[in-house]
Amino acid sequence: MQTFRIKGKRLKNWKTFHSEFKKEMNFPDYYGENMDAWIDCVDELTDEPTILQIDNGKYLKENEPELFNAILECGAFVNYRKIKVGEKPNLIIATDN
């Protein structure tokens, strides 16, 4: 099982959101820095069970709720796509409340 840690306090806007995920999850250089590209990159990384640990999630939820919700919604969609093609969902998102 692989784990990626994202520091929620570093996510201040969409630019920092995409740069942090690209750095921490080793997204490829061609990463398009939009949520469709985020979904594709996370999907590629979750062939095995994967934990996406969001540190300071409560802070992120209170200060940047759009970014927090994007992680949850798009993470759920990564799992949904796997189910639709007969694979097991492998992305686990963990955060403090």
N, C-alpha and C. Protein backbone atom coordinates (compact mmCIF):
# COMPACT_ATOMS: atom_id res chain seq x y z
N MET A 1 0.85 -1.18 0.00
CA MET A 1 0.00 0.00 0.00
C MET A 1 0.90 1.24 0.00
N GLN A 2 0.55 2.19 -0.84
CA GLN A 2 1.32 3.43 -0.88
C GLN A 2 0.54 4.55 -0.22
N THR A 3 1.26 5.49 0.37
CA THR A 3 0.64 6.64 1.03
C THR A 3 1.27 7.92 0.51
N PHE A 4 0.42 8.89 0.22
CA PHE A 4 0.86 10.22 -0.16
C PHE A 4 0.30 11.20 0.87
N ARG A 5 1.15 12.12 1.35
CA ARG A 5 0.72 13.11 2.35
C ARG A 5 0.70 14.49 1.70
N ILE A 6 -0.44 15.13 1.85
CA ILE A 6 -0.62 16.49 1.34
C ILE A 6 -0.84 17.40 2.55
N LYS A 7 -0.10 18.47 2.61
CA LYS A 7 -0.24 19.42 3.71
C LYS A 7 -1.33 20.43 3.35
N GLY A 8 -2.48 20.30 4.00
CA GLY A 8 -3.64 21.12 3.69
C GLY A 8 -3.39 22.61 3.81
N LYS A 9 -2.52 23.03 4.72
CA LYS A 9 -2.26 24.46 4.90
C LYS A 9 -1.50 25.06 3.72
N ARG A 10 -0.89 24.23 2.90
CA ARG A 10 -0.17 24.73 1.73
C ARG A 10 -1.10 24.99 0.53
N LEU A 11 -2.32 24.49 0.62
CA LEU A 11 -3.25 24.64 -0.49
C LEU A 11 -4.04 25.94 -0.30
N LYS A 12 -3.58 27.00 -0.93
CA LYS A 12 -4.18 28.33 -0.75
C LYS A 12 -5.08 28.73 -1.92
N ASN A 13 -4.85 28.14 -3.07
CA ASN A 13 -5.60 28.47 -4.28
C ASN A 13 -5.36 27.33 -5.27
N TRP A 14 -5.94 27.46 -6.48
CA TRP A 14 -5.79 26.36 -7.46
C TRP A 14 -4.34 26.18 -7.89
N LYS A 15 -3.58 27.26 -7.96
CA LYS A 15 -2.18 27.14 -8.39
C LYS A 15 -1.38 26.31 -7.37
N THR A 16 -1.53 26.64 -6.08
CA THR A 16 -0.79 25.87 -5.07
C THR A 16 -1.35 24.46 -4.94
N PHE A 17 -2.65 24.30 -5.13
CA PHE A 17 -3.27 22.97 -5.11
C PHE A 17 -2.57 22.06 -6.11
N HIS A 18 -2.52 22.51 -7.35
CA HIS A 18 -1.94 21.66 -8.40
C HIS A 18 -0.43 21.48 -8.24
N SER A 19 0.27 22.51 -7.81
CA SER A 19 1.72 22.36 -7.65
C SER A 19 2.05 21.40 -6.50
N GLU A 20 1.29 21.45 -5.41
CA GLU A 20 1.54 20.54 -4.28
C GLU A 20 1.24 19.09 -4.66
N PHE A 21 0.11 18.87 -5.32
CA PHE A 21 -0.20 17.50 -5.72
C PHE A 21 0.81 16.98 -6.73
N LYS A 22 1.21 17.82 -7.68
CA LYS A 22 2.20 17.39 -8.67
C LYS A 22 3.49 16.98 -7.99
N LYS A 23 3.94 17.79 -7.03
CA LYS A 23 5.19 17.50 -6.32
C LYS A 23 5.06 16.27 -5.43
N GLU A 24 4.03 16.23 -4.59
CA GLU A 24 3.91 15.17 -3.59
C GLU A 24 3.53 13.82 -4.19
N MET A 25 2.78 13.83 -5.28
CA MET A 25 2.34 12.57 -5.88
C MET A 25 3.13 12.22 -7.14
N ASN A 26 4.16 13.00 -7.42
CA ASN A 26 5.04 12.74 -8.56
C ASN A 26 4.27 12.66 -9.88
N PHE A 27 3.35 13.61 -10.08
CA PHE A 27 2.64 13.66 -11.35
C PHE A 27 3.64 13.94 -12.47
N PRO A 28 3.36 13.48 -13.67
CA PRO A 28 4.30 13.68 -14.79
C PRO A 28 4.40 15.16 -15.20
N ASP A 29 5.45 15.47 -15.92
CA ASP A 29 5.68 16.85 -16.37
C ASP A 29 4.54 17.37 -17.22
N TYR A 30 3.86 16.49 -17.93
CA TYR A 30 2.78 16.93 -18.81
C TYR A 30 1.45 17.13 -18.07
N TYR A 31 1.45 17.02 -16.73
CA TYR A 31 0.23 17.22 -15.94
C TYR A 31 -0.40 18.56 -16.29
N GLY A 32 -1.68 18.54 -16.65
CA GLY A 32 -2.38 19.71 -17.17
C GLY A 32 -2.87 20.71 -16.15
N GLU A 33 -2.68 20.45 -14.87
CA GLU A 33 -3.09 21.35 -13.79
C GLU A 33 -4.56 21.76 -13.88
N ASN A 34 -5.42 20.78 -14.05
CA ASN A 34 -6.87 20.95 -13.96
C ASN A 34 -7.42 19.66 -13.35
N MET A 35 -8.67 19.66 -12.97
CA MET A 35 -9.19 18.51 -12.24
C MET A 35 -9.37 17.27 -13.10
N ASP A 36 -9.59 17.43 -14.40
CA ASP A 36 -9.63 16.25 -15.27
C ASP A 36 -8.26 15.57 -15.29
N ALA A 37 -7.21 16.37 -15.37
CA ALA A 37 -5.85 15.82 -15.36
C ALA A 37 -5.53 15.22 -13.99
N TRP A 38 -6.00 15.87 -12.91
CA TRP A 38 -5.80 15.35 -11.55
C TRP A 38 -6.42 13.95 -11.44
N ILE A 39 -7.66 13.82 -11.91
CA ILE A 39 -8.35 12.53 -11.86
C ILE A 39 -7.55 11.48 -12.63
N ASP A 40 -7.10 11.81 -13.82
CA ASP A 40 -6.34 10.86 -14.64
C ASP A 40 -5.05 10.44 -13.94
N CYS A 41 -4.31 11.39 -13.38
CA CYS A 41 -3.04 11.06 -12.72
C CYS A 41 -3.26 10.23 -11.47
N VAL A 42 -4.25 10.59 -10.66
CA VAL A 42 -4.54 9.80 -9.46
C VAL A 42 -5.00 8.40 -9.85
N ASP A 43 -5.81 8.30 -10.88
CA ASP A 43 -6.28 7.00 -11.36
C ASP A 43 -5.10 6.12 -11.75
N GLU A 44 -4.13 6.68 -12.44
CA GLU A 44 -2.95 5.91 -12.84
C GLU A 44 -2.13 5.44 -11.64
N LEU A 45 -2.14 6.21 -10.56
CA LEU A 45 -1.34 5.88 -9.38
C LEU A 45 -2.02 4.88 -8.46
N THR A 46 -3.28 4.57 -8.71
CA THR A 46 -4.02 3.73 -7.76
C THR A 46 -4.28 2.32 -8.28
N ASP A 47 -3.30 1.76 -8.94
CA ASP A 47 -3.41 0.36 -9.33
C ASP A 47 -3.32 -0.55 -8.11
N GLU A 48 -2.68 -0.06 -7.08
CA GLU A 48 -2.62 -0.75 -5.80
C GLU A 48 -3.32 0.14 -4.77
N PRO A 49 -3.73 -0.40 -3.63
CA PRO A 49 -4.37 0.45 -2.63
C PRO A 49 -3.49 1.66 -2.29
N THR A 50 -4.13 2.82 -2.27
CA THR A 50 -3.41 4.07 -2.08
C THR A 50 -4.14 4.93 -1.06
N ILE A 51 -3.38 5.43 -0.09
CA ILE A 51 -3.93 6.35 0.90
C ILE A 51 -3.48 7.76 0.53
N LEU A 52 -4.45 8.64 0.43
CA LEU A 52 -4.19 10.06 0.25
C LEU A 52 -4.49 10.72 1.59
N GLN A 53 -3.43 11.04 2.32
CA GLN A 53 -3.57 11.61 3.65
C GLN A 53 -3.48 13.13 3.56
N ILE A 54 -4.56 13.80 3.95
CA ILE A 54 -4.61 15.26 3.93
C ILE A 54 -4.38 15.75 5.35
N ASP A 55 -3.18 16.27 5.61
CA ASP A 55 -2.89 16.85 6.92
C ASP A 55 -3.57 18.22 7.00
N ASN A 56 -4.04 18.58 8.17
CA ASN A 56 -4.73 19.86 8.38
C ASN A 56 -5.97 19.97 7.50
N GLY A 57 -6.69 18.87 7.36
CA GLY A 57 -7.90 18.87 6.55
C GLY A 57 -8.97 19.79 7.11
N LYS A 58 -9.06 19.88 8.42
CA LYS A 58 -10.04 20.77 9.03
C LYS A 58 -9.74 22.21 8.64
N TYR A 59 -8.49 22.58 8.68
CA TYR A 59 -8.08 23.92 8.26
C TYR A 59 -8.46 24.16 6.80
N LEU A 60 -8.15 23.18 5.96
CA LEU A 60 -8.46 23.30 4.54
C LEU A 60 -9.96 23.42 4.32
N LYS A 61 -10.73 22.61 5.00
CA LYS A 61 -12.19 22.63 4.86
C LYS A 61 -12.76 23.99 5.26
N GLU A 62 -12.21 24.59 6.30
CA GLU A 62 -12.72 25.87 6.79
C GLU A 62 -12.25 27.05 5.95
N ASN A 63 -11.03 26.97 5.41
CA ASN A 63 -10.44 28.12 4.72
C ASN A 63 -10.50 28.05 3.21
N GLU A 64 -10.50 26.85 2.66
CA GLU A 64 -10.56 26.66 1.20
C GLU A 64 -11.52 25.51 0.90
N PRO A 65 -12.80 25.68 1.22
CA PRO A 65 -13.74 24.56 1.06
C PRO A 65 -13.86 24.06 -0.38
N GLU A 66 -13.67 24.93 -1.35
CA GLU A 66 -13.74 24.48 -2.75
C GLU A 66 -12.64 23.48 -3.06
N LEU A 67 -11.45 23.72 -2.56
CA LEU A 67 -10.33 22.80 -2.78
C LEU A 67 -10.55 21.49 -2.01
N PHE A 68 -11.01 21.61 -0.77
CA PHE A 68 -11.29 20.43 0.04
C PHE A 68 -12.34 19.54 -0.64
N ASN A 69 -13.42 20.15 -1.08
CA ASN A 69 -14.48 19.39 -1.75
C ASN A 69 -14.01 18.78 -3.06
N ALA A 70 -13.13 19.47 -3.77
CA ALA A 70 -12.60 18.92 -5.03
C ALA A 70 -11.84 17.62 -4.77
N ILE A 71 -11.07 17.57 -3.70
CA ILE A 71 -10.33 16.34 -3.36
C ILE A 71 -11.31 15.20 -3.11
N LEU A 72 -12.33 15.47 -2.31
CA LEU A 72 -13.30 14.42 -1.98
C LEU A 72 -14.10 13.97 -3.19
N GLU A 73 -14.63 14.93 -3.93
CA GLU A 73 -15.48 14.59 -5.07
C GLU A 73 -14.68 13.91 -6.19
N CYS A 74 -13.53 14.44 -6.50
CA CYS A 74 -12.75 13.85 -7.59
C CYS A 74 -12.12 12.54 -7.16
N GLY A 75 -11.77 12.42 -5.88
CA GLY A 75 -11.28 11.14 -5.37
C GLY A 75 -12.36 10.07 -5.47
N ALA A 76 -13.59 10.43 -5.14
CA ALA A 76 -14.71 9.49 -5.26
C ALA A 76 -14.90 9.09 -6.72
N PHE A 77 -14.70 10.03 -7.64
CA PHE A 77 -14.87 9.72 -9.05
C PHE A 77 -13.77 8.78 -9.54
N VAL A 78 -12.56 8.91 -9.01
CA VAL A 78 -11.48 7.96 -9.36
C VAL A 78 -11.93 6.55 -9.02
N ASN A 79 -12.49 6.37 -7.82
CA ASN A 79 -12.98 5.05 -7.42
C ASN A 79 -14.15 4.60 -8.28
N TYR A 80 -15.05 5.50 -8.59
CA TYR A 80 -16.21 5.17 -9.41
C TYR A 80 -15.79 4.66 -10.79
N ARG A 81 -14.81 5.33 -11.39
CA ARG A 81 -14.32 4.89 -12.71
C ARG A 81 -13.78 3.47 -12.65
N LYS A 82 -13.09 3.14 -11.58
CA LYS A 82 -12.57 1.77 -11.44
C LYS A 82 -13.71 0.76 -11.34
N ILE A 83 -14.71 1.09 -10.55
CA ILE A 83 -15.86 0.19 -10.40
C ILE A 83 -16.55 -0.02 -11.74
N LYS A 84 -16.71 1.04 -12.52
CA LYS A 84 -17.40 0.96 -13.81
C LYS A 84 -16.71 0.01 -14.78
N VAL A 85 -15.41 -0.17 -14.66
CA VAL A 85 -14.69 -1.07 -15.57
C VAL A 85 -14.39 -2.42 -14.90
N GLY A 86 -15.04 -2.67 -13.76
CA GLY A 86 -14.90 -3.97 -13.10
C GLY A 86 -13.68 -4.11 -12.21
N GLU A 87 -13.03 -3.01 -11.88
CA GLU A 87 -11.87 -3.05 -10.98
C GLU A 87 -12.31 -2.68 -9.57
N LYS A 88 -11.43 -2.94 -8.62
CA LYS A 88 -11.70 -2.57 -7.24
C LYS A 88 -11.30 -1.11 -7.01
N PRO A 89 -12.11 -0.37 -6.26
CA PRO A 89 -11.70 0.99 -5.91
C PRO A 89 -10.50 0.91 -4.96
N ASN A 90 -9.50 1.75 -5.22
CA ASN A 90 -8.25 1.64 -4.45
C ASN A 90 -7.83 2.91 -3.75
N LEU A 91 -8.58 3.98 -3.89
CA LEU A 91 -8.17 5.25 -3.28
C LEU A 91 -8.89 5.46 -1.96
N ILE A 92 -8.09 5.66 -0.93
CA ILE A 92 -8.61 5.95 0.41
C ILE A 92 -8.16 7.36 0.76
N ILE A 93 -9.10 8.21 1.11
CA ILE A 93 -8.77 9.57 1.51
C ILE A 93 -8.96 9.68 3.00
N ALA A 94 -7.91 10.11 3.69
CA ALA A 94 -7.95 10.24 5.14
C ALA A 94 -7.59 11.68 5.52
N THR A 95 -8.33 12.22 6.47
CA THR A 95 -8.06 13.57 6.93
C THR A 95 -8.58 13.72 8.35
N ASP A 96 -8.06 14.74 9.03
CA ASP A 96 -8.63 15.05 10.35
C ASP A 96 -9.95 15.77 10.13
N ASN A 97 -10.74 15.85 11.15
CA ASN A 97 -12.05 16.48 10.98
C ASN A 97 -11.91 17.92 11.27
